[in-house]
């Protein structure tokens, strides 16, 4: 895992906002499900900040 934080996707509504904001292309869609590619994710949290549904969260 390249980042220092763990980000989880919970109950995503697939609005696509996180896809367009991630500067590292770490947001992936597969079978209408959103997942984080931890090899690309740097933990910048831009996806967490932009998610209107609070579906992308930082895990402790």
Protein backbone atom coordinates (compact mmCIF):
# COMPACT_ATOMS: atom_id res chain seq x y z
CA UNK A 1 0.00 0.00 0.00
CA UNK A 2 1.50 3.29 -1.14
CA UNK A 3 -0.47 5.59 1.13
CA UNK A 4 -0.38 6.17 4.87
CA UNK A 5 -4.16 6.19 5.37
CA UNK A 6 -6.75 3.60 4.56
CA UNK A 7 -9.65 4.84 2.50
CA UNK A 8 -12.81 2.77 2.16
CA UNK A 9 -15.75 3.04 -0.22
CA UNK A 10 -19.09 2.46 1.48
CA UNK A 11 -22.47 2.52 -0.26
CA UNK A 12 -21.22 4.40 -3.32
CA UNK A 13 -23.88 5.88 -5.61
CA UNK A 14 -21.49 6.10 -8.59
CA UNK A 15 -21.89 9.84 -9.20
CA UNK A 16 -18.37 9.98 -10.70
CA UNK A 17 -17.13 13.07 -8.86
CA UNK A 18 -14.26 11.18 -7.23
CA UNK A 19 -13.19 9.75 -10.59
CA UNK A 20 -12.64 13.18 -12.04
CA UNK A 21 -10.87 14.69 -9.00
CA UNK A 22 -8.30 11.97 -8.30
CA UNK A 23 -4.94 13.19 -9.64
CA UNK A 24 -3.48 9.66 -9.45
CA UNK A 25 -6.28 7.74 -11.23
CA UNK A 26 -6.69 5.60 -8.12
CA UNK A 27 -10.48 5.41 -8.34
CA UNK A 28 -11.65 2.43 -10.34
CA UNK A 29 -15.11 1.24 -11.34
CA UNK A 30 -15.70 -2.46 -11.74
CA UNK A 31 -19.15 -4.01 -12.25
CA UNK A 32 -20.77 -0.74 -11.14
CA UNK A 33 -18.74 -0.73 -7.93
CA UNK A 34 -16.17 1.85 -6.95
CA UNK A 35 -12.88 0.78 -5.45
CA UNK A 36 -9.59 2.37 -4.51
CA UNK A 37 -6.44 1.17 -6.24
CA UNK A 38 -4.07 1.33 -3.26
CA UNK A 39 -1.02 0.95 -5.51
CA UNK A 40 -1.86 4.35 -7.03
CA UNK A 41 -3.50 6.08 -4.05
CA UNK A 42 -1.29 8.53 -2.16
CA UNK A 43 -3.82 9.38 0.52
CA UNK A 44 -4.40 12.96 -0.65
CA UNK A 45 -8.08 12.66 0.46
CA UNK A 46 -9.45 14.68 -2.46
CA UNK A 47 -11.97 11.90 -3.09
CA UNK A 48 -13.11 12.00 0.54
CA UNK A 49 -13.55 15.77 0.39
CA UNK A 50 -15.57 15.80 -2.85
CA UNK A 51 -17.92 12.86 -2.20
CA UNK A 52 -21.42 14.34 -1.83
CA UNK A 53 -22.74 11.18 -0.19
CA UNK A 54 -19.87 10.68 2.26
CA UNK A 55 -19.37 7.25 0.75
CA UNK A 56 -15.59 7.50 0.70
CA UNK A 57 -14.22 7.55 4.21
CA UNK A 58 -10.93 7.37 6.09
CA UNK A 59 -10.70 4.29 8.25
CA UNK A 60 -8.85 4.31 11.58
